Amino acid sequence: MVTEVSERAQAEEDLLRLGDHEFQGRLIVGTGKYESFDIMRDSLEASGAECVTVAVRREKLYTDGKQQNILDYIDPDRYILLPNTAGCYTAADAVRTARLGREILLALDNPGANWVKLEVLGDSKTLLPDPMATLEATERLVADGFQVLCYSSDDPILARRLKAAGATSVMPAGSPIGSGQGILNPNNLRICLEYLKDGDPDYPVIVDAGVGTASDVAVAMELGADGVLLNTAIAHARKPVAMSHAMRLAAQAGRLAFLAGRMPRRLYASASSPRDGVIASRPW
């Protein structure tokens, strides 16, 4: 009950705004790598997410030999779909894939048709983004009317250039995709946040990739990220539905902690109880 009241109060006052869309929660979750569509469906529900991302190129909307359609397991009245360009290695390929995703969602009358999660990868081993191709694809998609949520490295200079190119949100990685290493470079993420929000405090910054467990989500949110996008950490957990619920609570806790403002770090101890009125005694 306490969690429900806290969640409701937070949602009423603190919405995540991404382009034309508003969300009460701050998790965006993926739909790949699950053992079954049933586990995926239950995990999405447990996460509290209102937006889920689908890989247009990689999934092709079918993920097993039975030719079951992944969209049959995603309630269109509950979730906004965010098509992504996972698996693309050139700007041209990413632009083509984004346009394909838009046509599919227009046919489904889904409100996610006007946006895309852009990924343009540099190689298949690291899955790190190609910075030049990512910037080129962002410029082309923005000119084509897309609201671009742009997967990026934690390079503050690139982050600033992507925003200048018109990205609706820049999404720096916490660590390599699917690695589960968590937030490897919090200092770079802090600089990204500073650069992206300078003069524009409401600009949304999403940490995307590398999350391994709930504490990683909390750390990202406590740094000041507006949300976290994740997939593998839930899909490859021993109990995906339970982990999904943990991620939901971590996002709430991290956001509330950021808004509350942490105490300053001190070199030495500071007594919790007041010393006024205490009878003097020897230290031993």
C-alpha atoms as a PDB file:
ATOM      1  CA  MET A   1       0.000   0.000   0.000  1.00  0.00           C
ATOM      2  CA  VAL A   2       2.796   2.439   0.897  1.00  0.00           C
ATOM      3  CA  THR A   3       4.498   1.722  -2.438  1.00  0.00           C
ATOM      4  CA  GLU A   4       1.263   2.321  -4.341  1.00  0.00           C
ATOM      5  CA  VAL A   5       0.618   5.653  -2.593  1.00  0.00           C
ATOM      6  CA  SER A   6       4.201   6.808  -3.156  1.00  0.00           C
ATOM      7  CA  GLU A   7       4.100   5.747  -6.804  1.00  0.00           C
ATOM      8  CA  ARG A   8       0.824   7.549  -7.404  1.00  0.00           C
ATOM      9  CA  ALA A   9       1.975  10.757  -5.718  1.00  0.00           C
ATOM     10  CA  GLN A  10       5.228  10.755  -7.677  1.00  0.00           C
ATOM     11  CA  ALA A  11       3.465  10.099 -10.968  1.00  0.00           C
ATOM     12  CA  GLU A  12       1.039  12.972 -10.500  1.00  0.00           C
ATOM     13  CA  GLU A  13       3.823  15.511 -10.043  1.00  0.00           C
ATOM     14  CA  ASP A  14       6.764  14.086 -11.980  1.00  0.00           C
ATOM     15  CA  LEU A  15       6.178  12.946 -15.547  1.00  0.00           C
ATOM     16  CA  LEU A  16       8.774  11.776 -18.042  1.00  0.00           C
ATOM     17  CA  ARG A  17       8.339  13.774 -21.251  1.00  0.00           C
ATOM     18  CA  LEU A  18       9.849  12.424 -24.458  1.00  0.00           C
ATOM     19  CA  GLY A  19       8.828  14.479 -27.454  1.00  0.00           C
ATOM     20  CA  ASP A  20       5.068  14.205 -27.874  1.00  0.00           C
ATOM     21  CA  HIS A  21       4.768  11.488 -25.222  1.00  0.00           C
ATOM     22  CA  GLU A  22       4.360  11.618 -21.445  1.00  0.00           C
ATOM     23  CA  PHE A  23       4.903   8.726 -19.053  1.00  0.00           C
ATOM     24  CA  GLN A  24       4.323   8.235 -15.357  1.00  0.00           C
ATOM     25  CA  GLY A  25       7.095   5.658 -15.037  1.00  0.00           C
ATOM     26  CA  ARG A  26      10.744   6.080 -15.953  1.00  0.00           C
ATOM     27  CA  LEU A  27      11.612   2.653 -17.291  1.00  0.00           C
ATOM     28  CA  ILE A  28      11.603   1.761 -20.971  1.00  0.00           C
ATOM     29  CA  VAL A  29      12.020  -1.963 -21.496  1.00  0.00           C
ATOM     30  CA  GLY A  30      12.941  -4.151 -24.425  1.00  0.00           C
ATOM     31  CA  THR A  31      11.254  -7.228 -25.830  1.00  0.00           C
ATOM     32  CA  GLY A  32      14.175  -9.396 -26.944  1.00  0.00           C
ATOM     33  CA  LYS A  33      16.049 -12.403 -25.518  1.00  0.00           C
ATOM     34  CA  TYR A  34      13.194 -13.839 -23.414  1.00  0.00           C
ATOM     35  CA  GLU A  35      12.725 -17.597 -23.229  1.00  0.00           C
ATOM     36  CA  SER A  36       9.093 -17.217 -24.243  1.00  0.00           C
ATOM     37  CA  PHE A  37       6.544 -14.603 -25.196  1.00  0.00           C
ATOM     38  CA  ASP A  38       4.602 -15.399 -22.027  1.00  0.00           C
ATOM     39  CA  ILE A  39       7.585 -14.517 -19.812  1.00  0.00           C
ATOM     40  CA  MET A  40       8.129 -11.369 -21.859  1.00  0.00           C
ATOM     41  CA  ARG A  41       4.505 -10.313 -21.423  1.00  0.00           C
ATOM     42  CA  ASP A  42       4.546 -10.899 -17.654  1.00  0.00           C
ATOM     43  CA  SER A  43       7.888  -9.120 -17.281  1.00  0.00           C
ATOM     44  CA  LEU A  44       6.653  -6.079 -19.178  1.00  0.00           C
ATOM     45  CA  GLU A  45       3.662  -5.895 -16.870  1.00  0.00           C
ATOM     46  CA  ALA A  46       5.798  -6.217 -13.722  1.00  0.00           C
ATOM     47  CA  SER A  47       8.113  -3.421 -14.882  1.00  0.00           C
ATOM     48  CA  GLY A  48       5.339  -0.837 -14.863  1.00  0.00           C
ATOM     49  CA  ALA A  49       6.665   0.450 -18.179  1.00  0.00           C
ATOM     50  CA  GLU A  50       4.339   2.304 -20.517  1.00  0.00           C
ATOM     51  CA  CYS A  51       6.735   2.190 -23.449  1.00  0.00           C
ATOM     52  CA  VAL A  52       8.447  -0.894 -24.895  1.00  0.00           C
ATOM     53  CA  THR A  53      10.992  -1.046 -27.670  1.00  0.00           C
ATOM     54  CA  VAL A  54      10.967  -3.537 -30.543  1.00  0.00           C
ATOM     55  CA  ALA A  55      13.875  -4.213 -32.918  1.00  0.00           C
ATOM     56  CA  VAL A  56      12.399  -3.807 -36.376  1.00  0.00           C
ATOM     57  CA  ARG A  57      15.378  -5.267 -38.245  1.00  0.00           C
ATOM     58  CA  ARG A  58      16.431  -7.997 -35.853  1.00  0.00           C
ATOM     59  CA  GLU A  59      13.039  -9.292 -34.750  1.00  0.00           C
ATOM     60  CA  LYS A  60      11.154  -8.815 -38.019  1.00  0.00           C
ATOM     61  CA  LEU A  61       8.130  -9.032 -35.728  1.00  0.00           C
ATOM     62  CA  TYR A  62       8.584 -12.820 -35.467  1.00  0.00           C
ATOM     63  CA  THR A  63      10.839 -14.450 -32.897  1.00  0.00           C
ATOM     64  CA  ASP A  64      10.365 -18.220 -33.055  1.00  0.00           C
ATOM     65  CA  GLY A  65       9.760 -21.120 -35.399  1.00  0.00           C
ATOM     66  CA  LYS A  66       6.012 -21.125 -34.750  1.00  0.00           C
ATOM     67  CA  GLN A  67       5.738 -17.775 -36.509  1.00  0.00           C
ATOM     68  CA  GLN A  68       4.056 -16.222 -33.495  1.00  0.00           C
ATOM     69  CA  ASN A  69       3.818 -12.478 -33.816  1.00  0.00           C
ATOM     70  CA  ILE A  70       5.481 -10.623 -30.955  1.00  0.00           C
ATOM     71  CA  LEU A  71       2.823  -7.918 -31.228  1.00  0.00           C
ATOM     72  CA  ASP A  72       0.180 -10.430 -30.138  1.00  0.00           C
ATOM     73  CA  TYR A  73       1.811 -10.372 -26.690  1.00  0.00           C
ATOM     74  CA  ILE A  74       2.077  -6.580 -26.358  1.00  0.00           C
ATOM     75  CA  ASP A  75      -1.170  -4.864 -25.403  1.00  0.00           C
ATOM     76  CA  PRO A  76      -1.507  -1.860 -27.766  1.00  0.00           C
ATOM     77  CA  ASP A  77      -3.859  -0.141 -25.323  1.00  0.00           C
ATOM     78  CA  ARG A  78      -1.277  -0.356 -22.549  1.00  0.00           C
ATOM     79  CA  TYR A  79       2.061   0.249 -24.271  1.00  0.00           C
ATOM     80  CA  ILE A  80       3.421   2.736 -26.757  1.00  0.00           C
ATOM     81  CA  LEU A  81       5.816   0.950 -29.079  1.00  0.00           C
ATOM     82  CA  LEU A  82       9.251   2.413 -29.676  1.00  0.00           C
ATOM     83  CA  PRO A  83      10.743   0.892 -32.847  1.00  0.00           C
ATOM     84  CA  ASN A  84      14.518   0.647 -32.808  1.00  0.00           C
ATOM     85  CA  THR A  85      17.214   0.204 -35.413  1.00  0.00           C
ATOM     86  CA  ALA A  86      19.215  -2.467 -33.559  1.00  0.00           C
ATOM     87  CA  GLY A  87      21.499  -4.408 -35.875  1.00  0.00           C
ATOM     88  CA  CYS A  88      22.228  -1.478 -38.212  1.00  0.00           C
ATOM     89  CA  TYR A  89      25.848  -0.569 -39.013  1.00  0.00           C
ATOM     90  CA  THR A  90      25.401   2.315 -41.463  1.00  0.00           C
ATOM     91  CA  ALA A  91      23.424   5.522 -41.417  1.00  0.00           C
ATOM     92  CA  ALA A  92      21.597   4.532 -44.595  1.00  0.00           C
ATOM     93  CA  ASP A  93      20.561   1.181 -43.124  1.00  0.00           C
ATOM     94  CA  ALA A  94      19.342   2.825 -39.905  1.00  0.00           C
ATOM     95  CA  VAL A  95      17.293   5.414 -41.790  1.00  0.00           C
ATOM     96  CA  ARG A  96      15.717   2.713 -43.961  1.00  0.00           C
ATOM     97  CA  THR A  97      14.887   0.589 -40.905  1.00  0.00           C
ATOM     98  CA  ALA A  98      13.389   3.554 -39.060  1.00  0.00           C
ATOM     99  CA  ARG A  99      11.125   4.282 -42.010  1.00  0.00           C
ATOM    100  CA  LEU A 100      10.039   0.648 -42.124  1.00  0.00           C
ATOM    101  CA  GLY A 101       9.169   0.775 -38.426  1.00  0.00           C
ATOM    102  CA  ARG A 102       7.134   3.919 -38.991  1.00  0.00           C
ATOM    103  CA  GLU A 103       5.110   2.280 -41.753  1.00  0.00           C
ATOM    104  CA  ILE A 104       4.401  -0.767 -39.588  1.00  0.00           C
ATOM    105  CA  LEU A 105       3.184   1.318 -36.661  1.00  0.00           C
ATOM    106  CA  LEU A 106       1.137   3.596 -38.887  1.00  0.00           C
ATOM    107  CA  ALA A 107      -0.636   0.495 -40.170  1.00  0.00           C
ATOM    108  CA  LEU A 108      -1.275  -0.524 -36.547  1.00  0.00           C
ATOM    109  CA  ASP A 109      -2.431   2.993 -35.632  1.00  0.00           C
ATOM    110  CA  ASN A 110       0.092   3.007 -32.765  1.00  0.00           C
ATOM    111  CA  PRO A 111       1.110   6.443 -31.410  1.00  0.00           C
ATOM    112  CA  GLY A 112       4.774   5.395 -31.516  1.00  0.00           C
ATOM    113  CA  ALA A 113       4.925   5.803 -35.286  1.00  0.00           C
ATOM    114  CA  ASN A 114       6.483   9.260 -35.107  1.00  0.00           C
ATOM    115  CA  TRP A 115       9.622   8.291 -33.207  1.00  0.00           C
ATOM    116  CA  VAL A 116      12.535   5.872 -33.211  1.00  0.00           C
ATOM    117  CA  LYS A 117      15.279   4.612 -30.959  1.00  0.00           C
ATOM    118  CA  LEU A 118      18.316   5.095 -33.161  1.00  0.00           C
ATOM    119  CA  GLU A 119      21.235   2.662 -32.994  1.00  0.00           C
ATOM    120  CA  VAL A 120      24.068   2.738 -35.517  1.00  0.00           C
ATOM    121  CA  LEU A 121      26.750   0.326 -34.355  1.00  0.00           C
ATOM    122  CA  GLY A 122      30.459   0.443 -35.074  1.00  0.00           C
ATOM    123  CA  ASP A 123      31.187  -3.289 -34.939  1.00  0.00           C
ATOM    124  CA  SER A 124      29.601  -6.558 -33.865  1.00  0.00           C
ATOM    125  CA  LYS A 125      32.057  -7.297 -31.044  1.00  0.00           C
ATOM    126  CA  THR A 126      31.735  -4.190 -28.865  1.00  0.00           C
ATOM    127  CA  LEU A 127      28.305  -3.021 -30.127  1.00  0.00           C
ATOM    128  CA  LEU A 128      29.515   0.497 -29.438  1.00  0.00           C
ATOM    129  CA  PRO A 129      27.882   3.236 -31.516  1.00  0.00           C
ATOM    130  CA  ASP A 130      29.580   4.627 -34.603  1.00  0.00           C
ATOM    131  CA  PRO A 131      29.677   8.334 -33.681  1.00  0.00           C
ATOM    132  CA  MET A 132      29.859   9.793 -37.189  1.00  0.00           C
ATOM    133  CA  ALA A 133      27.204   7.491 -38.648  1.00  0.00           C
ATOM    134  CA  THR A 134      24.974   8.103 -35.617  1.00  0.00           C
ATOM    135  CA  LEU A 135      25.216  11.857 -36.086  1.00  0.00           C
ATOM    136  CA  GLU A 136      24.495  11.551 -39.825  1.00  0.00           C
ATOM    137  CA  ALA A 137      21.478   9.304 -39.241  1.00  0.00           C
ATOM    138  CA  THR A 138      20.141  11.658 -36.566  1.00  0.00           C
ATOM    139  CA  GLU A 139      20.294  14.619 -38.944  1.00  0.00           C
ATOM    140  CA  ARG A 140      18.560  12.671 -41.725  1.00  0.00           C
ATOM    141  CA  LEU A 141      15.802  11.281 -39.499  1.00  0.00           C
ATOM    142  CA  VAL A 142      15.087  14.630 -37.854  1.00  0.00           C
ATOM    143  CA  ALA A 143      14.764  16.160 -41.326  1.00  0.00           C
ATOM    144  CA  ASP A 144      12.350  13.325 -42.160  1.00  0.00           C
ATOM    145  CA  GLY A 145      10.068  14.245 -39.247  1.00  0.00           C
ATOM    146  CA  PHE A 146      11.177  11.663 -36.689  1.00  0.00           C
ATOM    147  CA  GLN A 147      11.584  12.283 -32.988  1.00  0.00           C
ATOM    148  CA  VAL A 148      14.938  10.567 -32.472  1.00  0.00           C
ATOM    149  CA  LEU A 149      15.951   8.906 -29.210  1.00  0.00           C
ATOM    150  CA  CYS A 150      19.615   8.426 -29.866  1.00  0.00           C
ATOM    151  CA  TYR A 151      21.789   5.645 -28.403  1.00  0.00           C
ATOM    152  CA  SER A 152      25.234   7.093 -27.784  1.00  0.00           C
ATOM    153  CA  SER A 153      28.482   6.451 -25.978  1.00  0.00           C
ATOM    154  CA  ASP A 154      29.167   8.404 -22.797  1.00  0.00           C
ATOM    155  CA  ASP A 155      31.179  10.985 -24.768  1.00  0.00           C
ATOM    156  CA  PRO A 156      29.922  14.440 -23.679  1.00  0.00           C
ATOM    157  CA  ILE A 157      31.075  16.109 -26.928  1.00  0.00           C
ATOM    158  CA  LEU A 158      29.114  13.684 -29.099  1.00  0.00           C
ATOM    159  CA  ALA A 159      26.122  14.003 -26.765  1.00  0.00           C
ATOM    160  CA  ARG A 160      26.096  17.753 -27.245  1.00  0.00           C
ATOM    161  CA  ARG A 161      26.374  17.456 -31.025  1.00  0.00           C
ATOM    162  CA  LEU A 162      23.514  14.966 -31.193  1.00  0.00           C
ATOM    163  CA  LYS A 163      21.301  17.338 -29.256  1.00  0.00           C
ATOM    164  CA  ALA A 164      22.293  20.177 -31.587  1.00  0.00           C
ATOM    165  CA  ALA A 165      21.349  17.924 -34.524  1.00  0.00           C
ATOM    166  CA  GLY A 166      17.813  17.755 -33.144  1.00  0.00           C
ATOM    167  CA  ALA A 167      17.747  14.537 -31.117  1.00  0.00           C
ATOM    168  CA  THR A 168      14.663  14.422 -28.900  1.00  0.00           C
ATOM    169  CA  SER A 169      16.706  12.543 -26.301  1.00  0.00           C
ATOM    170  CA  VAL A 170      20.347  11.535 -26.069  1.00  0.00           C
ATOM    171  CA  MET A 171      20.788   8.118 -24.439  1.00  0.00           C
ATOM    172  CA  PRO A 172      24.363   7.474 -23.277  1.00  0.00           C
ATOM    173  CA  ALA A 173      25.326   3.923 -22.389  1.00  0.00           C
ATOM    174  CA  GLY A 174      26.135   2.950 -18.829  1.00  0.00           C
ATOM    175  CA  SER A 175      28.379   0.177 -20.226  1.00  0.00           C
ATOM    176  CA  PRO A 176      28.415  -2.028 -23.357  1.00  0.00           C
ATOM    177  CA  ILE A 177      25.100  -3.460 -24.553  1.00  0.00           C
ATOM    178  CA  GLY A 178      24.138  -6.662 -22.752  1.00  0.00           C
ATOM    179  CA  SER A 179      27.283  -6.673 -20.603  1.00  0.00           C
ATOM    180  CA  GLY A 180      25.524  -6.221 -17.256  1.00  0.00           C
ATOM    181  CA  GLN A 181      28.496  -4.202 -15.990  1.00  0.00           C
ATOM    182  CA  GLY A 182      26.354  -1.347 -14.704  1.00  0.00           C
ATOM    183  CA  ILE A 183      27.420   2.299 -14.634  1.00  0.00           C
ATOM    184  CA  LEU A 184      31.144   2.157 -15.442  1.00  0.00           C
ATOM    185  CA  ASN A 185      31.846   5.853 -15.823  1.00  0.00           C
ATOM    186  CA  PRO A 186      29.549   7.979 -13.648  1.00  0.00           C
ATOM    187  CA  ASN A 187      31.784  11.012 -14.128  1.00  0.00           C
ATOM    188  CA  ASN A 188      31.238  11.042 -17.897  1.00  0.00           C
ATOM    189  CA  LEU A 189      27.503  10.602 -17.395  1.00  0.00           C
ATOM    190  CA  ARG A 190      27.517  13.590 -15.040  1.00  0.00           C
ATOM    191  CA  ILE A 191      29.255  15.698 -17.686  1.00  0.00           C
ATOM    192  CA  CYS A 192      26.796  14.505 -20.349  1.00  0.00           C
ATOM    193  CA  LEU A 193      23.928  15.519 -18.090  1.00  0.00           C
ATOM    194  CA  GLU A 194      25.529  18.901 -17.424  1.00  0.00           C
ATOM    195  CA  TYR A 195      26.094  19.616 -21.116  1.00  0.00           C
ATOM    196  CA  LEU A 196      22.704  18.391 -22.279  1.00  0.00           C
ATOM    197  CA  LYS A 197      20.714  20.172 -19.589  1.00  0.00           C
ATOM    198  CA  ASP A 198      22.676  23.447 -19.623  1.00  0.00           C
ATOM    199  CA  GLY A 199      20.034  26.101 -20.205  1.00  0.00           C
ATOM    200  CA  ASP A 200      17.497  23.347 -20.869  1.00  0.00           C
ATOM    201  CA  PRO A 201      16.907  21.495 -17.574  1.00  0.00           C
ATOM    202  CA  ASP A 202      13.904  19.592 -18.907  1.00  0.00           C
ATOM    203  CA  TYR A 203      15.840  17.991 -21.779  1.00  0.00           C
ATOM    204  CA  PRO A 204      15.380  14.209 -21.286  1.00  0.00           C
ATOM    205  CA  VAL A 205      18.492  12.072 -20.883  1.00  0.00           C
ATOM    206  CA  ILE A 206      18.008   8.295 -20.753  1.00  0.00           C
ATOM    207  CA  VAL A 207      20.714   5.847 -19.685  1.00  0.00           C
ATOM    208  CA  ASP A 208      20.630   3.043 -22.232  1.00  0.00           C
ATOM    209  CA  ALA A 209      22.520  -0.266 -22.077  1.00  0.00           C
ATOM    210  CA  GLY A 210      24.733  -2.136 -19.642  1.00  0.00           C
ATOM    211  CA  VAL A 211      22.407  -2.342 -16.647  1.00  0.00           C
ATOM    212  CA  GLY A 212      22.781  -5.627 -14.751  1.00  0.00           C
ATOM    213  CA  THR A 213      20.615  -5.322 -11.664  1.00  0.00           C
ATOM    214  CA  ALA A 214      18.338  -2.984  -9.743  1.00  0.00           C
ATOM    215  CA  SER A 215      21.125  -1.067  -7.997  1.00  0.00           C
ATOM    216  CA  ASP A 216      22.464  -0.012 -11.427  1.00  0.00           C
ATOM    217  CA  VAL A 217      19.099   1.565 -12.218  1.00  0.00           C
ATOM    218  CA  ALA A 218      19.090   3.388  -8.888  1.00  0.00           C
ATOM    219  CA  VAL A 219      22.609   4.736  -9.505  1.00  0.00           C
ATOM    220  CA  ALA A 220      21.649   6.034 -12.960  1.00  0.00           C
ATOM    221  CA  MET A 221      18.583   7.768 -11.583  1.00  0.00           C
ATOM    222  CA  GLU A 222      20.482   9.232  -8.620  1.00  0.00           C
ATOM    223  CA  LEU A 223      22.971  10.770 -11.055  1.00  0.00           C
ATOM    224  CA  GLY A 224      20.064  12.715 -12.545  1.00  0.00           C
ATOM    225  CA  ALA A 225      19.106  10.623 -15.566  1.00  0.00           C
ATOM    226  CA  ASP A 226      15.476  11.044 -16.527  1.00  0.00           C
ATOM    227  CA  GLY A 227      14.983   7.362 -17.214  1.00  0.00           C
ATOM    228  CA  VAL A 228      16.622   4.021 -17.957  1.00  0.00           C
ATOM    229  CA  LEU A 229      16.186   1.764 -20.976  1.00  0.00           C
ATOM    230  CA  LEU A 230      17.042  -1.896 -20.420  1.00  0.00           C
ATOM    231  CA  ASN A 231      16.363  -5.391 -21.698  1.00  0.00           C
ATOM    232  CA  THR A 232      18.965  -8.104 -21.072  1.00  0.00           C
ATOM    233  CA  ALA A 233      19.117  -7.535 -17.298  1.00  0.00           C
ATOM    234  CA  ILE A 234      15.488  -8.637 -17.067  1.00  0.00           C
ATOM    235  CA  ALA A 235      15.359 -11.207 -19.870  1.00  0.00           C
ATOM    236  CA  HIS A 236      18.469 -13.077 -18.656  1.00  0.00           C
ATOM    237  CA  ALA A 237      17.719 -12.906 -14.934  1.00  0.00           C
ATOM    238  CA  ARG A 238      17.049 -16.208 -13.202  1.00  0.00           C
ATOM    239  CA  LYS A 239      13.541 -14.933 -12.440  1.00  0.00           C
ATOM    240  CA  PRO A 240      12.758 -12.285 -15.064  1.00  0.00           C
ATOM    241  CA  VAL A 241       9.382 -11.210 -13.654  1.00  0.00           C
ATOM    242  CA  ALA A 242      10.807 -10.686 -10.168  1.00  0.00           C
ATOM    243  CA  MET A 243      13.787  -8.775 -11.572  1.00  0.00           C
ATOM    244  CA  SER A 244      11.436  -6.642 -13.629  1.00  0.00           C
ATOM    245  CA  HIS A 245       9.557  -5.651 -10.488  1.00  0.00           C
ATOM    246  CA  ALA A 246      12.872  -4.876  -8.752  1.00  0.00           C
ATOM    247  CA  MET A 247      13.874  -2.583 -11.629  1.00  0.00           C
ATOM    248  CA  ARG A 248      10.577  -0.734 -11.301  1.00  0.00           C
ATOM    249  CA  LEU A 249      11.139  -0.082  -7.596  1.00  0.00           C
ATOM    250  CA  ALA A 250      14.769   0.916  -8.173  1.00  0.00           C
ATOM    251  CA  ALA A 251      13.765   3.538 -10.733  1.00  0.00           C
ATOM    252  CA  GLN A 252      11.264   5.005  -8.286  1.00  0.00           C
ATOM    253  CA  ALA A 253      13.742   4.997  -5.394  1.00  0.00           C
ATOM    254  CA  GLY A 254      16.554   6.495  -7.465  1.00  0.00           C
ATOM    255  CA  ARG A 255      14.361   9.260  -8.832  1.00  0.00           C
ATOM    256  CA  LEU A 256      13.021  10.163  -5.386  1.00  0.00           C
ATOM    257  CA  ALA A 257      16.557  10.172  -3.963  1.00  0.00           C
ATOM    258  CA  PHE A 258      17.737  12.506  -6.741  1.00  0.00           C
ATOM    259  CA  LEU A 259      14.850  14.894  -6.173  1.00  0.00           C
ATOM    260  CA  ALA A 260      15.402  14.775  -2.400  1.00  0.00           C
ATOM    261  CA  GLY A 261      19.100  15.628  -2.716  1.00  0.00           C
ATOM    262  CA  ARG A 262      21.724  13.527  -0.980  1.00  0.00           C
ATOM    263  CA  MET A 263      23.659  14.752   2.041  1.00  0.00           C
ATOM    264  CA  PRO A 264      27.198  16.053   1.424  1.00  0.00           C
ATOM    265  CA  ARG A 265      30.034  13.553   1.713  1.00  0.00           C
ATOM    266  CA  ARG A 266      32.350  14.193   4.643  1.00  0.00           C
ATOM    267  CA  LEU A 267      35.850  12.986   5.427  1.00  0.00           C
ATOM    268  CA  TYR A 268      35.128  12.479   9.130  1.00  0.00           C
ATOM    269  CA  ALA A 269      32.248  11.152  11.185  1.00  0.00           C
ATOM    270  CA  SER A 270      29.387  13.349  12.333  1.00  0.00           C
ATOM    271  CA  ALA A 271      27.332  12.240  15.331  1.00  0.00           C
ATOM    272  CA  SER A 272      23.655  11.656  14.633  1.00  0.00           C
ATOM    273  CA  SER A 273      22.601  12.630  18.155  1.00  0.00           C
ATOM    274  CA  PRO A 274      23.025  16.221  19.451  1.00  0.00           C
ATOM    275  CA  ARG A 275      25.743  16.889  22.025  1.00  0.00           C
ATOM    276  CA  ASP A 276      23.876  19.657  23.867  1.00  0.00           C
ATOM    277  CA  GLY A 277      23.123  18.590  27.422  1.00  0.00           C
ATOM    278  CA  VAL A 278      25.371  15.547  27.308  1.00  0.00           C
ATOM    279  CA  ILE A 279      27.390  15.025  30.511  1.00  0.00           C
ATOM    280  CA  ALA A 280      31.104  15.263  29.772  1.00  0.00           C
ATOM    281  CA  SER A 281      32.946  11.974  29.990  1.00  0.00           C
ATOM    282  CA  ARG A 282      36.315  10.604  29.159  1.00  0.00           C
ATOM    283  CA  PRO A 283      36.647   9.237  25.594  1.00  0.00           C
ATOM    284  CA  TRP A 284      37.465   5.784  26.962  1.00  0.00           C
END
